Amino acid sequence: MATSRSTKKPVCEDCFFRCNLLCALALDEPCTTFRPDSPEGLRPPQQLRFSFRQERRTRSAWAFPSAQEQAVRHAS
């Protein structure tokens, strides 16, 4: 299911570094350090959220045998 977002392509004029006269590069396209300029200032890029997987098993796939099982194995 693909959702289309109406995001515009980044341009150097919208970069925090360019707007605050901190950019020293003369490129035709945005560089890899592009950060959008915002009234709050420089913000780190949004990172993915960490979500825990639901535990599907109620028992582990392998476990130590119980004391009774060990006694039966070694008795023979």
Protein backbone atom coordinates (compact mmCIF):
# COMPACT_ATOMS: atom_id res chain seq x y z
CA MET A 1 0.00 0.00 0.00
CA ALA A 2 1.85 3.04 -1.18
CA THR A 3 0.76 6.42 0.05
CA SER A 4 1.63 9.45 -1.97
CA ARG A 5 2.95 12.37 -0.02
CA SER A 6 3.04 15.82 -1.47
CA THR A 7 6.58 16.67 -0.42
CA LYS A 8 8.60 19.03 -2.49
CA LYS A 9 12.15 18.30 -3.45
CA PRO A 10 14.69 19.97 -1.16
CA VAL A 11 16.54 22.99 -2.54
CA CYS A 12 19.55 24.80 -1.13
CA GLU A 13 17.53 27.95 -0.45
CA ASP A 14 15.47 26.01 2.15
CA CYS A 15 18.53 24.68 3.98
CA PHE A 16 19.27 25.83 7.55
CA PHE A 17 22.94 26.33 6.75
CA ARG A 18 22.26 28.39 3.62
CA CYS A 19 19.65 30.60 5.34
CA ASN A 20 21.98 31.33 8.26
CA LEU A 21 25.00 31.98 6.01
CA LEU A 22 26.80 28.90 7.30
CA CYS A 23 27.12 27.06 3.99
CA ALA A 24 30.47 27.17 2.24
CA LEU A 25 29.53 24.97 -0.72
CA ALA A 26 28.70 26.14 -4.20
CA LEU A 27 26.63 23.25 -5.54
CA ASP A 28 23.73 23.06 -8.00
CA GLU A 29 21.79 20.64 -5.79
CA PRO A 30 21.36 20.11 -2.04
CA CYS A 31 24.23 18.32 -0.33
CA THR A 32 23.99 15.39 2.07
CA THR A 33 24.03 17.71 5.10
CA PHE A 34 20.76 19.40 4.06
CA ARG A 35 18.57 20.28 7.05
CA PRO A 36 15.31 22.17 6.60
CA ASP A 37 15.25 25.67 8.04
CA SER A 38 12.58 26.14 10.70
CA PRO A 39 11.70 28.81 13.26
CA GLU A 40 12.82 26.44 16.06
CA GLY A 41 16.31 26.33 14.61
CA LEU A 42 18.39 23.32 13.71
CA ARG A 43 16.64 20.07 14.61
CA PRO A 44 18.02 16.55 14.13
CA PRO A 45 16.41 14.48 11.37
CA GLN A 46 13.44 12.39 12.43
CA GLN A 47 14.40 8.84 13.22
CA LEU A 48 12.43 5.64 12.94
CA ARG A 49 10.38 4.60 15.94
CA PHE A 50 11.39 1.45 17.74
CA SER A 51 8.55 -0.98 18.26
CA PHE A 52 8.70 -4.26 20.13
CA ARG A 53 7.49 -7.41 18.44
CA GLN A 54 4.82 -9.34 20.23
CA GLU A 55 6.09 -12.51 21.81
CA ARG A 56 4.53 -15.36 19.84
CA ARG A 57 5.86 -18.35 21.72
CA THR A 58 4.88 -19.21 25.24
CA ARG A 59 7.82 -21.61 25.52
CA SER A 60 11.33 -21.46 24.24
CA ALA A 61 12.28 -23.71 21.35
CA TRP A 62 14.96 -25.38 23.44
CA ALA A 63 15.18 -25.69 27.21
CA PHE A 64 17.17 -27.68 29.72
CA PRO A 65 15.50 -30.94 30.73
CA SER A 66 13.92 -31.05 34.16
CA ALA A 67 15.58 -32.89 37.04
CA GLN A 68 13.26 -35.88 36.59
CA GLU A 69 14.03 -36.08 32.85
CA GLN A 70 17.76 -35.95 33.52
CA ALA A 71 17.49 -38.71 36.13
CA VAL A 72 15.59 -40.95 33.69
CA ARG A 73 18.21 -40.37 30.96
CA HIS A 74 21.18 -41.15 33.19
CA ALA A 75 19.55 -44.08 35.01
CA SER A 76 19.65 -46.31 31.97
